[in-house]
Amino acid sequence: MAEATAQDTGFDVATAIEAFLKDDSRKSLELPTGLTADQRKQAKKLADVHGNIKCESYGFGAERKLHLFKQDGLGTVSEASPIGRLQEAWSPVRVKNTFI
């Protein structure tokens, strides 16, 4: 049986991010696979607008997912998040998934 995608279920990116921001117990949010290009752009734009959210993309093709991470007041990613354990400070440099 095929898994329902975000597009099939009418996933609302703005509502999901708003709920994530209001929930102090959550440090990360994994958005579902199957977001449209417009939904991914919206998620990234909302993360930029709020400033205290970092948006990362993981995976390729149909398995591609966006993950949002709350940052502390110093611009660093929370130690509780997986990416926080991988890097000390957030960098404004955006790295795309590319192969050389």
N, C-alpha and C. Protein backbone atom coordinates (compact mmCIF):
# COMPACT_ATOMS: atom_id res chain seq x y z
N MET A 1 0.84 -1.18 0.00
CA MET A 1 0.00 0.00 0.00
C MET A 1 0.89 1.24 0.00
N ALA A 2 0.56 2.20 -0.84
CA ALA A 2 1.36 3.42 -0.97
C ALA A 2 1.10 4.34 0.21
N GLU A 3 2.15 5.00 0.65
CA GLU A 3 2.05 5.96 1.76
C GLU A 3 1.50 7.27 1.23
N ALA A 4 0.61 7.90 1.98
CA ALA A 4 0.04 9.19 1.58
C ALA A 4 1.12 10.26 1.66
N THR A 5 1.16 11.12 0.66
CA THR A 5 2.14 12.19 0.65
C THR A 5 1.49 13.47 1.16
N ALA A 6 2.32 14.47 1.39
CA ALA A 6 1.83 15.76 1.87
C ALA A 6 0.85 16.36 0.89
N GLN A 7 1.12 16.21 -0.39
CA GLN A 7 0.26 16.77 -1.42
C GLN A 7 -1.10 16.07 -1.42
N ASP A 8 -1.11 14.74 -1.23
CA ASP A 8 -2.36 13.98 -1.21
C ASP A 8 -3.25 14.37 -0.05
N THR A 9 -2.66 14.69 1.08
CA THR A 9 -3.43 14.96 2.29
C THR A 9 -3.71 16.44 2.50
N GLY A 10 -3.25 17.30 1.60
CA GLY A 10 -3.48 18.73 1.74
C GLY A 10 -2.73 19.31 2.93
N PHE A 11 -1.50 18.88 3.14
CA PHE A 11 -0.67 19.32 4.27
C PHE A 11 -0.51 20.83 4.23
N ASP A 12 -0.73 21.49 5.37
CA ASP A 12 -0.60 22.94 5.48
C ASP A 12 0.71 23.28 6.18
N VAL A 13 1.68 23.73 5.41
CA VAL A 13 3.02 24.02 5.92
C VAL A 13 2.98 25.12 6.98
N ALA A 14 2.26 26.19 6.71
CA ALA A 14 2.22 27.33 7.64
C ALA A 14 1.64 26.91 9.00
N THR A 15 0.58 26.12 8.98
CA THR A 15 -0.03 25.67 10.23
C THR A 15 0.92 24.77 11.01
N ALA A 16 1.61 23.88 10.30
CA ALA A 16 2.56 22.97 10.96
C ALA A 16 3.70 23.75 11.61
N ILE A 17 4.23 24.75 10.91
CA ILE A 17 5.33 25.54 11.45
C ILE A 17 4.86 26.40 12.62
N GLU A 18 3.66 26.95 12.52
CA GLU A 18 3.11 27.75 13.62
C GLU A 18 2.95 26.91 14.88
N ALA A 19 2.42 25.69 14.73
CA ALA A 19 2.26 24.79 15.88
C ALA A 19 3.62 24.41 16.46
N PHE A 20 4.61 24.18 15.59
CA PHE A 20 5.97 23.86 16.02
C PHE A 20 6.56 25.00 16.84
N LEU A 21 6.38 26.23 16.39
CA LEU A 21 6.91 27.39 17.11
C LEU A 21 6.27 27.57 18.49
N LYS A 22 5.00 27.26 18.60
CA LYS A 22 4.28 27.42 19.86
C LYS A 22 4.60 26.32 20.88
N ASP A 23 5.10 25.20 20.42
CA ASP A 23 5.37 24.06 21.29
C ASP A 23 6.81 24.11 21.79
N ASP A 24 7.01 24.59 23.01
CA ASP A 24 8.36 24.74 23.58
C ASP A 24 9.05 23.41 23.83
N SER A 25 8.30 22.33 23.87
CA SER A 25 8.91 21.02 24.14
C SER A 25 9.55 20.42 22.89
N ARG A 26 9.23 20.96 21.73
CA ARG A 26 9.76 20.42 20.47
C ARG A 26 10.93 21.26 20.00
N LYS A 27 12.02 20.60 19.66
CA LYS A 27 13.21 21.29 19.15
C LYS A 27 13.40 21.08 17.66
N SER A 28 12.68 20.10 17.08
CA SER A 28 12.80 19.85 15.65
C SER A 28 11.46 19.41 15.08
N LEU A 29 11.30 19.61 13.79
CA LEU A 29 10.10 19.22 13.07
C LEU A 29 10.52 18.61 11.75
N GLU A 30 10.07 17.40 11.48
CA GLU A 30 10.34 16.74 10.21
C GLU A 30 9.09 16.86 9.36
N LEU A 31 9.20 17.59 8.25
CA LEU A 31 8.06 17.75 7.34
C LEU A 31 7.95 16.48 6.49
N PRO A 32 6.75 16.15 6.05
CA PRO A 32 6.56 14.90 5.31
C PRO A 32 7.17 14.92 3.92
N THR A 33 7.41 13.73 3.39
CA THR A 33 7.86 13.62 2.00
C THR A 33 6.68 14.02 1.11
N GLY A 34 6.96 14.32 -0.11
CA GLY A 34 5.90 14.62 -1.05
C GLY A 34 5.45 16.06 -1.07
N LEU A 35 6.19 16.95 -0.39
CA LEU A 35 5.84 18.36 -0.47
C LEU A 35 6.09 18.84 -1.90
N THR A 36 5.24 19.73 -2.36
CA THR A 36 5.46 20.32 -3.68
C THR A 36 6.62 21.31 -3.58
N ALA A 37 7.12 21.73 -4.72
CA ALA A 37 8.19 22.73 -4.73
C ALA A 37 7.72 24.01 -4.04
N ASP A 38 6.47 24.39 -4.26
CA ASP A 38 5.94 25.60 -3.62
C ASP A 38 5.85 25.43 -2.11
N GLN A 39 5.47 24.25 -1.64
CA GLN A 39 5.41 24.00 -0.20
C GLN A 39 6.80 24.05 0.43
N ARG A 40 7.80 23.49 -0.26
CA ARG A 40 9.17 23.55 0.26
C ARG A 40 9.67 24.99 0.32
N LYS A 41 9.38 25.77 -0.73
CA LYS A 41 9.77 27.19 -0.75
C LYS A 41 9.09 27.93 0.39
N GLN A 42 7.81 27.64 0.62
CA GLN A 42 7.07 28.29 1.69
C GLN A 42 7.69 27.96 3.04
N ALA A 43 8.05 26.71 3.26
CA ALA A 43 8.66 26.30 4.53
C ALA A 43 9.98 27.03 4.75
N LYS A 44 10.80 27.10 3.71
CA LYS A 44 12.09 27.79 3.83
C LYS A 44 11.90 29.28 4.08
N LYS A 45 10.92 29.89 3.40
CA LYS A 45 10.66 31.32 3.58
C LYS A 45 10.17 31.60 5.00
N LEU A 46 9.26 30.76 5.50
CA LEU A 46 8.77 30.94 6.87
C LEU A 46 9.89 30.77 7.89
N ALA A 47 10.79 29.83 7.66
CA ALA A 47 11.92 29.64 8.56
C ALA A 47 12.81 30.89 8.56
N ASP A 48 13.03 31.47 7.39
CA ASP A 48 13.84 32.69 7.30
C ASP A 48 13.16 33.87 7.99
N VAL A 49 11.85 33.98 7.82
CA VAL A 49 11.10 35.08 8.43
C VAL A 49 11.17 35.02 9.95
N HIS A 50 11.06 33.83 10.51
CA HIS A 50 11.08 33.69 11.96
C HIS A 50 12.47 33.86 12.53
N GLY A 51 13.49 33.56 11.75
CA GLY A 51 14.86 33.80 12.17
C GLY A 51 15.43 32.85 13.20
N ASN A 52 14.61 32.26 14.04
CA ASN A 52 15.12 31.34 15.05
C ASN A 52 14.90 29.89 14.65
N ILE A 53 14.63 29.68 13.37
CA ILE A 53 14.45 28.32 12.84
C ILE A 53 15.45 28.10 11.72
N LYS A 54 16.08 26.97 11.75
CA LYS A 54 16.99 26.56 10.68
C LYS A 54 16.31 25.47 9.87
N CYS A 55 16.33 25.59 8.57
CA CYS A 55 15.68 24.63 7.68
C CYS A 55 16.76 23.86 6.92
N GLU A 56 16.73 22.54 7.02
CA GLU A 56 17.69 21.68 6.33
C GLU A 56 16.93 20.66 5.49
N SER A 57 17.50 20.29 4.37
CA SER A 57 16.91 19.30 3.49
C SER A 57 17.77 18.05 3.51
N TYR A 58 17.12 16.89 3.67
CA TYR A 58 17.83 15.62 3.70
C TYR A 58 17.18 14.66 2.71
N GLY A 59 18.01 13.86 2.06
CA GLY A 59 17.50 12.84 1.15
C GLY A 59 17.45 13.31 -0.29
N PHE A 60 17.07 12.40 -1.16
CA PHE A 60 17.00 12.67 -2.59
C PHE A 60 15.70 12.14 -3.16
N GLY A 61 15.25 12.77 -4.23
CA GLY A 61 14.07 12.29 -4.93
C GLY A 61 12.84 12.23 -4.05
N ALA A 62 12.12 11.12 -4.16
CA ALA A 62 10.87 10.94 -3.42
C ALA A 62 11.10 10.86 -1.91
N GLU A 63 12.32 10.57 -1.50
CA GLU A 63 12.63 10.44 -0.06
C GLU A 63 13.10 11.76 0.56
N ARG A 64 13.14 12.83 -0.23
CA ARG A 64 13.62 14.13 0.25
C ARG A 64 12.66 14.67 1.31
N LYS A 65 13.22 15.15 2.43
CA LYS A 65 12.44 15.73 3.52
C LYS A 65 13.10 17.00 4.02
N LEU A 66 12.27 17.92 4.45
CA LEU A 66 12.76 19.12 5.11
C LEU A 66 12.66 18.92 6.61
N HIS A 67 13.68 19.36 7.31
CA HIS A 67 13.69 19.31 8.77
C HIS A 67 13.90 20.73 9.27
N LEU A 68 13.11 21.12 10.24
CA LEU A 68 13.25 22.43 10.87
C LEU A 68 13.80 22.25 12.27
N PHE A 69 14.73 23.10 12.65
CA PHE A 69 15.36 23.04 13.97
C PHE A 69 15.27 24.41 14.63
N LYS A 70 14.83 24.42 15.88
CA LYS A 70 14.82 25.67 16.64
C LYS A 70 16.25 25.98 17.07
N GLN A 71 16.60 27.26 17.00
CA GLN A 71 17.93 27.70 17.41
C GLN A 71 17.80 28.47 18.72
N ASP A 72 18.86 28.42 19.53
CA ASP A 72 18.84 29.21 20.76
C ASP A 72 19.14 30.67 20.43
N GLY A 73 19.16 31.53 21.41
CA GLY A 73 19.34 32.96 21.20
C GLY A 73 20.68 33.37 20.63
N LEU A 74 21.66 32.49 20.65
CA LEU A 74 23.00 32.84 20.16
C LEU A 74 23.22 32.48 18.71
N GLY A 75 22.17 31.98 18.04
CA GLY A 75 22.32 31.61 16.64
C GLY A 75 22.86 30.21 16.48
N THR A 76 22.97 29.46 17.55
CA THR A 76 23.43 28.09 17.44
C THR A 76 22.24 27.15 17.52
N VAL A 77 22.39 26.00 16.96
CA VAL A 77 21.33 25.02 16.97
C VAL A 77 21.33 24.31 18.32
N SER A 78 20.17 24.01 18.84
CA SER A 78 20.03 23.35 20.13
C SER A 78 20.79 22.04 20.18
N GLU A 79 21.43 21.76 21.31
CA GLU A 79 22.16 20.51 21.50
C GLU A 79 21.25 19.30 21.36
N ALA A 80 19.96 19.49 21.59
CA ALA A 80 19.01 18.37 21.54
C ALA A 80 18.74 17.91 20.11
N SER A 81 18.98 18.75 19.14
CA SER A 81 18.70 18.38 17.77
C SER A 81 19.86 17.59 17.16
N PRO A 82 19.58 16.72 16.20
CA PRO A 82 20.65 15.94 15.57
C PRO A 82 21.71 16.81 14.93
N ILE A 83 21.29 17.89 14.29
CA ILE A 83 22.28 18.75 13.64
C ILE A 83 23.11 19.51 14.66
N GLY A 84 22.56 19.76 15.85
CA GLY A 84 23.30 20.44 16.90
C GLY A 84 24.50 19.64 17.36
N ARG A 85 24.38 18.34 17.29
CA ARG A 85 25.51 17.49 17.67
C ARG A 85 26.57 17.43 16.57
N LEU A 86 26.19 17.82 15.35
CA LEU A 86 27.12 17.74 14.23
C LEU A 86 27.92 19.02 14.02
N GLN A 87 27.37 20.14 14.49
CA GLN A 87 28.08 21.40 14.31
C GLN A 87 27.88 22.29 15.51
N GLU A 88 28.86 23.14 15.77
CA GLU A 88 28.76 24.01 16.94
C GLU A 88 27.91 25.23 16.67
N ALA A 89 28.14 25.90 15.58
CA ALA A 89 27.41 27.14 15.30
C ALA A 89 26.79 27.08 13.92
N TRP A 90 25.66 27.73 13.78
CA TRP A 90 24.98 27.78 12.50
C TRP A 90 25.72 28.73 11.58
N SER A 91 25.82 28.36 10.33
CA SER A 91 26.48 29.18 9.35
C SER A 91 25.47 29.67 8.33
N PRO A 92 25.54 30.92 7.91
CA PRO A 92 24.61 31.42 6.91
C PRO A 92 24.87 30.87 5.51
N VAL A 93 25.95 30.13 5.33
CA VAL A 93 26.28 29.56 4.03
C VAL A 93 25.35 28.39 3.77
N ARG A 94 24.69 28.37 2.62
CA ARG A 94 23.78 27.29 2.26
C ARG A 94 24.51 26.32 1.34
N VAL A 95 24.48 25.06 1.70
CA VAL A 95 25.13 24.03 0.91
C VAL A 95 24.04 23.17 0.28
N LYS A 96 24.08 23.04 -1.02
CA LYS A 96 23.10 22.24 -1.74
C LYS A 96 23.63 20.82 -1.88
N ASN A 97 22.72 19.89 -2.03
CA ASN A 97 23.10 18.49 -2.27
C ASN A 97 23.58 18.38 -3.71
N THR A 98 24.88 18.33 -3.88
CA THR A 98 25.44 18.22 -5.23
C THR A 98 26.53 17.17 -5.26
N PHE A 99 26.76 16.66 -6.42
CA PHE A 99 27.84 15.71 -6.63
C PHE A 99 28.86 16.33 -7.57
N ILE A 100 30.10 16.07 -7.29
CA ILE A 100 31.16 16.61 -8.16
C ILE A 100 31.73 15.48 -8.97
